[in-house]
Amino acid sequence: MSQNEAEVIIAGHICLDIIPTIYEKQSGMGALLVPGKLVEIGPAVIATGGAVSNTGIALHKLGSKVNLMGKIGKDQFGEAILTILRQHSAALVDGMIVSPNEISSYSIVISPPHIDRTFLHATGANDTYSAEDLSSEQLKGSRLFHFGYPPLMRKMYENDGHEMALLLKKVKDNGLTVSLDLAKPDPESDAGKADWRAILAKALPYVDVFLPSFEEIFYMLHRETYDELLQAAPAGDLLPLASGALLSEISQELLEMGAAIVGLKLGEHGLYVRTTSDQSRLLAMGLCAPAQDHLVNWANSELITSTYKVDVAGTTGAGDCTIAGFLLGLMRGLTLEATLHTAVGVGACNVERADATSGIPDGSEVWRRISGGWAKREMKLNLPNWVLHEDGLWIGPHHKSVVRR
């Protein structure tokens, strides 16, 4: 497959993850980080990480023709990234950007038993990703462009996001549908201190499908409230506080900034989606805009789906794979409801394996499980004034067809 045969381009952040095995007896971080001490560890898992790898490989496995456009250095870590990607398909790497004067991004993942992971991360070539790294020629033949993790890419958030807006505008000007995902930055970093409301105000007019997590976007739009609630939240988990009213408030802000479709990932609680009431905005989404006979279905909607029941082996890459499922539904012309089911279906397949993408099957297998009566988990969020529909979707107060009882 040549680069121009890819229907979807996945661009943005990519890195190499180095994950050493840490034994049970080394259960405390203090037992590991002792100056002058030699600590015995086990074999290391070497894998690619980031939105480009996780969402891109997931879409490839689901059956899409994918091209990856991450940026790496011409070094050993960069070669390792390309080698791992080629194991899935040589064609995946046709669009990768190799910069001879930069280092490749990498993470050392310290994951002791029974303790949350710590990431030692070098952003590397991701920091210099710019609009100049994409040419109109590279975009020809593709229908959708997904960009992931700009908070981990310095040039994307500097100067109130001028470069990111420039990059996304270039893609929109070439007629593609644009999708955007975020990552939560370290609050003490430059990205964590950036004015994300200003950055998103510049970027979202060029974004058709915006798919951040609830915690990421809550942090970026309402930092003071976020910090207050974080202090009171059990174990620092804000997801149980994602009430229907708060989700509606946040999504309304994002639609007013310019996005056509807003999806907020809710972790174990599922996926929330709200869409514009302006059908002309949906038609302006580019090559993956809903078909004319689906416009009424996609417009002016507010829905939540819970996740499917599975035995969870790990959650690495679950959000990226949920996005892959949503984009697959959009590209295949499904209804909004079927697209939501597909999104959380792919996310559920992901968590059945410990790593980011090995659990992802062909899209037909995901749809077979869904149509076969795959049960969903009980919804635990606070959703007053919402209605549970017979297909397992919760319908919000801003949905076009809510029936009050």
Protein backbone atom coordinates (compact mmCIF):
# COMPACT_ATOMS: atom_id res chain seq x y z
CA MET A 1 0.00 0.00 0.00
CA SER A 2 1.40 3.38 -0.96
CA GLN A 3 1.01 6.37 1.30
CA ASN A 4 -1.76 7.87 -0.84
CA GLU A 5 -3.87 4.71 -0.58
CA ALA A 6 -4.37 5.21 3.16
CA GLU A 7 -7.90 6.29 4.08
CA VAL A 8 -6.80 7.60 7.48
CA ILE A 9 -3.66 9.38 8.66
CA ILE A 10 -2.71 9.14 12.35
CA ALA A 11 -0.30 11.93 13.31
CA GLY A 12 1.15 13.45 16.45
CA HIS A 13 3.00 11.93 19.39
CA ILE A 14 4.95 8.67 19.21
CA CYS A 15 7.61 7.23 21.50
CA LEU A 16 9.44 4.06 22.45
CA ASP A 17 8.39 2.53 25.76
CA ILE A 18 10.97 0.57 27.76
CA ILE A 19 9.25 -1.38 30.54
CA PRO A 20 11.57 -3.36 32.82
CA THR A 21 10.17 -6.20 34.92
CA ILE A 22 10.25 -5.30 38.61
CA TYR A 23 9.92 -8.17 41.04
CA GLU A 24 7.36 -8.53 43.83
CA LYS A 25 9.95 -8.13 46.60
CA GLN A 26 10.73 -4.64 45.28
CA SER A 27 7.23 -3.46 46.06
CA GLY A 28 8.10 0.03 47.24
CA MET A 29 9.49 2.86 45.11
CA GLY A 30 11.94 3.55 47.94
CA ALA A 31 13.45 0.10 47.44
CA LEU A 32 14.25 0.97 43.83
CA LEU A 33 15.59 4.49 43.89
CA VAL A 34 18.41 4.18 46.42
CA PRO A 35 21.59 6.14 45.55
CA GLY A 36 24.56 3.85 44.94
CA LYS A 37 22.50 0.65 45.09
CA LEU A 38 22.41 -1.98 42.35
CA VAL A 39 18.81 -3.15 41.93
CA GLU A 40 18.20 -6.42 40.11
CA ILE A 41 15.37 -6.27 37.57
CA GLY A 42 14.03 -8.65 34.95
CA PRO A 43 13.55 -8.61 31.17
CA ALA A 44 12.30 -5.42 29.56
CA VAL A 45 9.33 -5.12 27.25
CA ILE A 46 10.10 -2.80 24.33
CA ALA A 47 7.02 -1.33 22.68
CA THR A 48 5.84 1.74 20.82
CA GLY A 49 3.59 4.17 22.67
CA GLY A 50 1.64 7.35 22.03
CA ALA A 51 -1.43 8.19 19.97
CA VAL A 52 0.23 7.50 16.60
CA SER A 53 1.12 3.95 17.58
CA ASN A 54 -1.91 3.02 19.69
CA THR A 55 -4.73 4.51 17.62
CA GLY A 56 -2.94 3.81 14.33
CA ILE A 57 -2.23 0.13 14.96
CA ALA A 58 -5.74 -0.38 16.37
CA LEU A 59 -7.32 1.05 13.21
CA HIS A 60 -5.00 -1.05 11.06
CA LYS A 61 -6.05 -4.22 12.92
CA LEU A 62 -9.71 -3.21 12.65
CA GLY A 63 -9.35 -3.22 8.87
CA SER A 64 -8.63 0.38 7.88
CA LYS A 65 -5.90 1.47 5.48
CA VAL A 66 -3.68 3.53 7.77
CA ASN A 67 -0.62 5.73 7.39
CA LEU A 68 1.34 6.91 10.42
CA MET A 69 2.94 10.36 10.56
CA GLY A 70 4.85 10.53 13.82
CA LYS A 71 8.21 12.27 14.05
CA ILE A 72 11.36 10.46 15.22
CA GLY A 73 15.11 10.96 15.20
CA LYS A 74 17.60 9.12 13.04
CA ASP A 75 18.90 7.08 15.97
CA GLN A 76 18.68 3.62 17.53
CA PHE A 77 15.40 4.33 19.31
CA GLY A 78 13.95 5.62 16.05
CA GLU A 79 15.02 2.45 14.25
CA ALA A 80 13.43 0.40 17.02
CA ILE A 81 10.15 2.30 16.58
CA LEU A 82 10.14 1.69 12.82
CA THR A 83 11.00 -2.00 13.28
CA ILE A 84 8.10 -2.55 15.69
CA LEU A 85 5.65 -0.72 13.42
CA ARG A 86 6.78 -2.71 10.35
CA GLN A 87 5.95 -5.93 12.18
CA HIS A 88 2.30 -4.93 11.77
CA SER A 89 2.68 -3.68 8.18
CA ALA A 90 5.55 -2.19 6.22
CA ALA A 91 3.14 0.29 4.67
CA LEU A 92 2.27 1.82 8.05
CA VAL A 93 5.56 3.72 8.19
CA ASP A 94 5.51 5.28 4.71
CA GLY A 95 4.62 8.68 6.18
CA MET A 96 6.87 8.62 9.27
CA ILE A 97 8.99 11.76 9.58
CA VAL A 98 12.66 11.07 10.33
CA SER A 99 14.69 14.07 11.51
CA PRO A 100 18.46 13.48 11.36
CA ASN A 101 19.34 16.13 13.94
CA GLU A 102 16.96 15.13 16.74
CA ILE A 103 16.49 12.31 19.23
CA SER A 104 13.51 9.97 19.23
CA SER A 105 11.08 10.23 22.10
CA TYR A 106 11.21 7.46 24.70
CA SER A 107 9.74 6.54 28.07
CA ILE A 108 11.13 4.36 30.83
CA VAL A 109 8.08 2.94 32.57
CA ILE A 110 8.72 2.11 36.24
CA SER A 111 5.88 -0.20 37.23
CA PRO A 112 6.46 -1.91 40.62
CA PRO A 113 3.87 -4.47 41.76
CA HIS A 114 0.81 -2.92 43.45
CA ILE A 115 1.95 0.67 42.78
CA ASP A 116 0.83 3.09 40.06
CA ARG A 117 3.30 3.47 37.20
CA THR A 118 5.89 6.24 36.97
CA PHE A 119 6.99 7.47 33.53
CA LEU A 120 10.42 8.92 32.84
CA HIS A 121 9.70 10.58 29.51
CA ALA A 122 11.84 12.35 26.90
CA THR A 123 9.65 14.19 24.38
CA GLY A 124 12.39 14.25 21.74
CA ALA A 125 11.41 15.01 18.14
CA ASN A 126 7.75 15.39 19.13
CA ASP A 127 8.63 18.87 20.43
CA THR A 128 9.48 20.18 16.96
CA TYR A 129 6.53 18.72 15.04
CA SER A 130 5.14 21.56 12.93
CA ALA A 131 2.85 22.39 10.03
CA GLU A 132 5.90 22.25 7.74
CA ASP A 133 6.23 18.53 8.50
CA LEU A 134 3.05 17.90 6.48
CA SER A 135 2.66 18.57 2.78
CA SER A 136 -0.55 18.71 0.77
CA GLU A 137 0.84 15.88 -1.35
CA GLN A 138 1.02 13.61 1.73
CA LEU A 139 -2.64 14.29 2.49
CA LYS A 140 -3.99 13.41 -0.96
CA GLY A 141 -6.08 10.27 -1.15
CA SER A 142 -6.91 10.18 2.57
CA ARG A 143 -10.30 10.94 4.10
CA LEU A 144 -9.54 11.46 7.79
CA PHE A 145 -6.66 12.99 9.76
CA HIS A 146 -6.36 12.22 13.46
CA PHE A 147 -3.89 14.18 15.61
CA GLY A 148 -3.02 13.00 19.11
CA TYR A 149 -1.35 14.26 22.30
CA PRO A 150 -0.42 17.89 21.48
CA PRO A 151 0.18 18.63 25.22
CA LEU A 152 3.27 16.40 24.87
CA MET A 153 4.52 18.32 21.81
CA ARG A 154 6.05 21.70 22.68
CA LYS A 155 5.53 23.48 19.38
CA MET A 156 1.82 22.59 19.47
CA TYR A 157 1.11 24.51 22.68
CA GLU A 158 3.63 27.35 22.52
CA ASN A 159 2.36 30.81 21.48
CA ASP A 160 -1.21 29.87 22.45
CA GLY A 161 -1.24 27.00 19.98
CA HIS A 162 -0.50 29.03 16.84
CA GLU A 163 1.39 26.15 15.19
CA MET A 164 -1.29 23.56 15.96
CA ALA A 165 -4.00 25.78 14.49
CA LEU A 166 -1.82 26.27 11.40
CA LEU A 167 -1.31 22.52 11.03
CA LEU A 168 -4.98 21.63 11.44
CA LYS A 169 -6.06 24.42 9.07
CA LYS A 170 -3.72 23.00 6.42
CA VAL A 171 -5.42 19.62 6.75
CA LYS A 172 -8.94 21.12 6.63
CA ASP A 173 -8.02 23.17 3.57
CA ASN A 174 -7.26 19.87 1.82
CA GLY A 175 -10.77 18.59 2.51
CA LEU A 176 -10.04 15.93 5.13
CA THR A 177 -12.09 15.35 8.26
CA VAL A 178 -10.01 16.32 11.31
CA SER A 179 -10.05 14.49 14.63
CA LEU A 180 -8.15 15.59 17.76
CA ASP A 181 -7.21 13.85 21.01
CA LEU A 182 -5.36 15.26 24.02
CA ALA A 183 -3.17 14.04 26.87
CA LYS A 184 -3.03 15.40 30.39
CA PRO A 185 0.24 17.27 30.94
CA ASP A 186 2.25 17.44 34.15
CA PRO A 187 0.71 20.40 36.03
CA GLU A 188 4.20 21.71 36.83
CA SER A 189 5.42 21.58 33.23
CA ASP A 190 5.22 24.33 30.64
CA ALA A 191 2.37 22.43 28.97
CA GLY A 192 0.56 22.14 32.29
CA LYS A 193 0.78 25.91 32.77
CA ALA A 194 -0.24 26.79 29.21
CA ASP A 195 -3.51 28.62 28.51
CA TRP A 196 -5.41 25.69 27.07
CA ARG A 197 -8.66 27.58 26.73
CA ALA A 198 -6.90 30.01 24.37
CA ILE A 199 -5.15 27.14 22.55
CA LEU A 200 -8.39 25.25 21.97
CA ALA A 201 -10.22 28.40 20.90
CA LYS A 202 -7.69 28.67 18.05
CA ALA A 203 -7.67 24.98 17.15
CA LEU A 204 -11.28 23.79 17.41
CA PRO A 205 -12.65 25.75 14.42
CA TYR A 206 -10.54 23.32 12.35
CA VAL A 207 -11.53 20.21 14.37
CA ASP A 208 -14.54 18.13 13.36
CA VAL A 209 -14.30 15.40 15.99
CA PHE A 210 -12.81 16.26 19.39
CA LEU A 211 -12.18 13.25 21.65
CA PRO A 212 -10.37 14.14 24.91
CA SER A 213 -10.87 12.41 28.23
CA PHE A 214 -13.13 14.04 30.81
CA GLU A 215 -10.23 14.66 33.20
CA GLU A 216 -8.01 16.20 30.51
CA ILE A 217 -10.56 18.71 29.31
CA PHE A 218 -11.86 19.50 32.81
CA TYR A 219 -8.28 20.33 33.83
CA MET A 220 -7.77 22.53 30.78
CA LEU A 221 -11.02 24.49 30.89
CA HIS A 222 -11.74 24.69 34.63
CA ARG A 223 -8.39 24.36 36.40
CA GLU A 224 -9.45 25.96 39.71
CA THR A 225 -12.54 23.78 40.07
CA TYR A 226 -10.52 20.76 38.96
CA ASP A 227 -7.95 21.36 41.72
CA GLU A 228 -10.65 21.85 44.35
CA LEU A 229 -12.46 18.64 43.45
CA LEU A 230 -9.20 16.71 43.19
CA GLN A 231 -8.47 17.47 46.84
CA ALA A 232 -11.80 15.95 47.87
CA ALA A 233 -11.88 13.05 45.39
CA PRO A 234 -11.20 9.55 46.76
CA ALA A 235 -7.75 8.43 45.56
CA GLY A 236 -7.68 11.42 43.20
CA ASP A 237 -10.27 9.86 40.88
CA LEU A 238 -12.52 12.55 39.36
CA LEU A 239 -14.44 10.28 37.00
CA PRO A 240 -17.26 9.50 39.48
CA LEU A 241 -17.89 13.28 39.56
CA ALA A 242 -18.60 13.41 35.83
CA SER A 243 -22.29 14.18 36.27
CA GLY A 244 -24.60 14.67 33.31
CA ALA A 245 -24.84 18.39 34.04
CA LEU A 246 -21.06 18.84 34.08
CA LEU A 247 -20.61 16.87 30.86
CA SER A 248 -23.29 19.00 29.18
CA GLU A 249 -21.60 22.21 30.34
CA ILE A 250 -18.18 21.21 29.07
CA SER A 251 -19.45 19.89 25.74
CA GLN A 252 -21.44 23.08 25.13
CA GLU A 253 -18.27 25.14 25.57
CA LEU A 254 -16.40 22.98 23.08
CA LEU A 255 -19.17 23.08 20.48
CA GLU A 256 -19.24 26.87 20.78
CA MET A 257 -15.47 26.91 20.15
CA GLY A 258 -16.07 25.24 16.79
CA ALA A 259 -16.04 21.44 17.06
CA ALA A 260 -18.85 19.56 15.31
CA ILE A 261 -18.71 16.41 17.46
CA VAL A 262 -17.46 16.24 21.05
CA GLY A 263 -16.71 12.90 22.67
CA LEU A 264 -15.52 12.74 26.28
CA LYS A 265 -13.86 9.48 27.31
CA LEU A 266 -15.03 8.37 30.75
CA GLY A 267 -12.72 5.44 31.48
CA GLU A 268 -14.56 2.51 33.05
CA HIS A 269 -17.81 4.54 32.91
CA GLY A 270 -17.94 4.65 29.11
CA LEU A 271 -18.17 7.39 26.50
CA TYR A 272 -20.19 10.62 26.29
CA VAL A 273 -20.95 12.23 22.91
CA ARG A 274 -22.63 15.49 22.00
CA THR A 275 -23.04 16.89 18.50
CA THR A 276 -23.84 20.25 16.96
CA SER A 277 -27.42 21.15 16.08
CA ASP A 278 -26.12 22.87 12.94
CA GLN A 279 -26.44 20.41 10.06
CA SER A 280 -24.38 22.67 7.81
CA ARG A 281 -21.47 22.30 10.27
CA LEU A 282 -21.77 18.51 10.01
CA LEU A 283 -21.77 18.75 6.20
CA ALA A 284 -18.60 20.85 6.44
CA MET A 285 -16.77 18.00 8.20
CA GLY A 286 -15.00 17.01 5.00
CA LEU A 287 -14.65 13.59 3.41
CA CYS A 288 -16.05 11.67 6.41
CA ALA A 289 -19.08 13.90 6.99
CA PRO A 290 -22.27 11.95 7.74
CA ALA A 291 -24.22 11.12 4.60
CA GLN A 292 -27.27 13.24 3.81
CA ASP A 293 -29.63 10.52 5.00
CA HIS A 294 -27.76 10.31 8.34
CA LEU A 295 -27.61 14.05 9.07
CA VAL A 296 -30.72 14.07 11.24
CA ASN A 297 -29.36 11.07 13.13
CA TRP A 298 -26.01 12.71 13.89
CA ALA A 299 -27.20 16.27 14.55
CA ASN A 300 -28.24 17.73 17.91
CA SER A 301 -27.50 14.58 19.92
CA GLU A 302 -26.42 13.92 23.50
CA LEU A 303 -25.71 10.32 24.45
CA ILE A 304 -23.74 8.21 26.94
CA THR A 305 -22.90 4.55 26.64
CA SER A 306 -21.41 2.45 29.41
CA THR A 307 -18.64 -0.05 28.68
CA TYR A 308 -19.09 -3.71 27.75
CA LYS A 309 -18.52 -6.41 30.34
CA VAL A 310 -15.11 -8.09 30.00
CA ASP A 311 -12.37 -9.52 32.19
CA VAL A 312 -9.89 -6.66 32.43
CA ALA A 313 -6.21 -7.58 31.98
CA GLY A 314 -4.90 -4.02 31.60
CA THR A 315 -5.99 -0.55 30.54
CA THR A 316 -2.95 0.62 28.55
CA GLY A 317 -4.15 2.35 25.39
CA ALA A 318 -7.85 1.91 26.19
CA GLY A 319 -8.69 5.53 25.36
CA ASP A 320 -6.71 5.44 22.10
CA CYS A 321 -8.48 2.24 21.03
CA THR A 322 -11.89 3.66 21.93
CA ILE A 323 -11.07 6.55 19.62
CA ALA A 324 -10.09 4.05 16.90
CA GLY A 325 -13.52 2.44 17.22
CA PHE A 326 -15.30 5.78 17.00
CA LEU A 327 -13.34 6.82 13.91
CA LEU A 328 -14.00 3.43 12.30
CA GLY A 329 -17.75 3.91 12.75
CA LEU A 330 -17.55 7.41 11.30
CA MET A 331 -15.55 6.27 8.26
CA ARG A 332 -17.88 3.34 7.64
CA GLY A 333 -20.95 5.58 7.61
CA LEU A 334 -22.62 4.06 10.68
CA THR A 335 -25.29 5.80 12.71
CA LEU A 336 -24.17 7.74 15.77
CA GLU A 337 -25.61 5.05 18.04
CA ALA A 338 -23.76 2.24 16.22
CA THR A 339 -20.58 4.34 16.27
CA LEU A 340 -20.78 4.67 20.06
CA HIS A 341 -21.29 0.92 20.46
CA THR A 342 -18.32 0.32 18.16
CA ALA A 343 -16.12 2.73 20.13
CA VAL A 344 -16.67 1.10 23.51
CA GLY A 345 -16.60 -2.34 21.87
CA VAL A 346 -13.09 -1.76 20.58
CA GLY A 347 -12.10 -0.29 23.96
CA ALA A 348 -13.41 -3.43 25.67
CA CYS A 349 -11.39 -5.69 23.35
CA ASN A 350 -8.33 -3.63 24.23
CA VAL A 351 -8.58 -4.15 28.01
CA GLU A 352 -8.86 -7.92 27.61
CA ARG A 353 -5.08 -7.86 27.02
CA ALA A 354 -2.39 -6.20 29.13
CA ASP A 355 -0.79 -4.20 26.30
CA ALA A 356 -2.18 -1.47 24.05
CA THR A 357 -3.26 -3.24 20.86
CA SER A 358 -2.87 -7.05 20.87
CA GLY A 359 -6.50 -7.52 21.91
CA ILE A 360 -7.88 -5.62 18.90
CA PRO A 361 -9.55 -7.92 16.32
CA ASP A 362 -10.94 -7.16 12.87
CA GLY A 363 -13.89 -4.78 13.00
CA SER A 364 -16.26 -7.56 11.89
CA GLU A 365 -15.48 -9.48 15.09
CA VAL A 366 -16.28 -6.42 17.22
CA TRP A 367 -19.64 -6.02 15.45
CA ARG A 368 -20.32 -9.76 15.78
CA ARG A 369 -19.90 -9.55 19.56
CA ILE A 370 -22.11 -6.46 19.75
CA SER A 371 -24.90 -7.94 17.62
CA GLY A 372 -24.65 -11.18 19.63
CA GLY A 373 -25.99 -9.49 22.76
CA TRP A 374 -22.74 -8.44 24.46
CA ALA A 375 -23.81 -7.16 27.89
CA LYS A 376 -22.86 -3.73 29.15
CA ARG A 377 -21.87 -2.70 32.65
CA GLU A 378 -24.23 -0.87 34.94
CA MET A 379 -24.05 2.93 34.59
CA LYS A 380 -22.80 4.43 37.85
CA LEU A 381 -22.62 8.13 36.95
CA ASN A 382 -25.14 10.64 38.27
CA LEU A 383 -27.52 11.20 35.33
CA PRO A 384 -30.71 12.89 36.54
CA ASN A 385 -33.09 13.86 33.72
CA TRP A 386 -31.50 11.29 31.42
CA VAL A 387 -33.47 8.46 29.81
CA LEU A 388 -32.18 4.90 29.36
CA HIS A 389 -32.99 3.70 25.84
CA GLU A 390 -33.65 0.08 24.95
CA ASP A 391 -30.33 -0.26 23.08
CA GLY A 392 -28.35 0.50 26.24
CA LEU A 393 -27.68 4.16 25.49
CA TRP A 394 -28.52 6.95 27.90
CA ILE A 395 -30.21 9.93 26.22
CA GLY A 396 -29.37 13.38 27.60
CA PRO A 397 -31.59 16.41 28.16
CA HIS A 398 -30.14 18.16 25.09
CA HIS A 399 -30.88 15.26 22.76
CA LYS A 400 -33.29 16.05 19.94
CA SER A 401 -35.70 13.22 20.67
CA VAL A 402 -35.87 12.94 24.44
CA VAL A 403 -39.21 11.63 25.65
CA ARG A 404 -40.03 12.76 29.17
CA ARG A 405 -42.01 10.50 31.47
